[in-house]
Protein backbone atom coordinates (compact mmCIF):
# COMPACT_ATOMS: atom_id res chain seq x y z
CA MET A 1 0.01 -0.05 0.05
CA ARG A 2 1.26 3.43 -0.99
CA LEU A 3 0.48 6.45 1.17
CA LEU A 4 0.19 9.81 -0.38
CA PRO A 5 1.09 13.00 1.74
CA THR A 6 -2.03 14.93 3.02
CA VAL A 7 -2.08 18.47 2.06
CA GLY A 8 -3.96 21.36 3.79
CA VAL A 9 -5.21 19.24 6.79
CA VAL A 10 -6.66 21.44 9.40
CA THR A 11 -5.70 20.27 12.85
CA GLU A 12 -7.23 22.97 15.02
CA THR A 13 -10.87 23.66 15.45
CA PRO A 14 -11.83 26.97 13.97
CA PRO A 15 -13.31 29.62 16.35
CA THR A 16 -17.06 29.60 16.59
CA ILE A 17 -19.02 32.60 15.81
CA SER A 18 -22.19 33.15 17.82
CA PRO A 19 -25.55 34.05 16.27
CA LYS A 20 -25.54 37.19 18.38
CA ALA A 21 -22.19 38.29 16.72
CA VAL A 22 -23.60 37.83 13.21
CA SER A 23 -26.91 39.58 14.14
CA ASP A 24 -24.87 42.49 15.68
CA ALA A 25 -22.90 42.70 12.34
CA LEU A 26 -26.24 42.83 10.43
CA ALA A 27 -27.45 45.57 12.84
CA ALA A 28 -24.18 47.56 12.36
CA LEU A 29 -24.73 47.47 8.61
CA GLY A 30 -28.38 48.74 8.94
CA VAL A 31 -30.04 45.74 7.76
CA TYR A 32 -32.74 45.57 10.43
CA ALA A 33 -35.55 47.98 11.05
CA GLU A 34 -35.39 46.73 14.53
CA PRO A 35 -32.69 44.31 15.70
CA PRO A 36 -33.83 41.05 17.30
CA THR A 37 -33.42 40.78 21.12
CA ASP A 38 -31.28 38.12 22.82
CA ALA A 39 -34.50 36.27 23.68
CA GLN A 40 -35.75 36.23 20.17
CA LEU A 41 -32.50 34.81 18.80
CA LEU A 42 -32.51 32.24 21.51
CA ALA A 43 -36.06 31.26 20.84
CA THR A 44 -35.32 30.92 17.01
CA GLU A 45 -32.19 28.81 17.91
CA ARG A 46 -34.23 26.60 20.11
CA ALA A 47 -37.10 26.27 17.36
CA GLU A 48 -34.80 25.78 14.27
CA GLY A 49 -31.50 24.82 15.63
CA ARG A 50 -28.24 26.64 15.74
CA GLU A 51 -27.25 25.53 12.13
CA ALA A 52 -30.42 26.69 10.60
CA LEU A 53 -30.28 30.14 12.44
CA MET A 54 -26.62 30.64 11.42
CA ALA A 55 -27.39 29.71 7.86
CA ARG A 56 -30.20 32.25 7.89
CA LEU A 57 -28.08 34.94 9.44
CA SER A 58 -24.98 34.24 7.24
CA ASN A 59 -27.28 34.29 4.14
CA ALA A 60 -28.50 37.78 5.20
CA LEU A 61 -24.97 38.94 5.90
CA TYR A 62 -23.83 37.78 2.51
CA GLY A 63 -26.84 39.34 0.69
CA CYS A 64 -26.20 42.66 2.40
CA ALA A 65 -22.53 42.60 1.56
CA LEU A 66 -23.32 41.90 -2.03
CA ALA A 67 -25.90 44.68 -2.11
CA HIS A 68 -23.18 47.07 -0.83
CA LEU A 69 -20.79 45.88 -3.38
CA MET A 70 -23.24 46.28 -6.12
CA THR A 71 -24.14 49.85 -4.94
CA ALA A 72 -20.38 50.64 -4.89
CA GLU A 73 -19.98 49.29 -8.49
CA VAL A 74 -22.78 51.48 -9.74
CA ALA A 75 -21.51 54.53 -7.94
CA ALA A 76 -18.09 53.97 -9.68
CA GLU A 77 -19.43 53.97 -13.17
């Protein structure tokens, strides 16, 4: 049996980002008309699971960043 070298193996666990941190980033970017409370984030996390909540928040953060980029591109023309 021939073993091949492994490239790019991650041996450390990446830091976790809390739903609150992502929500705070969205609030700082002005995405919310009214930012969710800690209780609302916790209730959503309990109802949908942490992965689903983080996916939703991450998608919103990506969409917001993309919108800012597109606005900047139009302004640069």
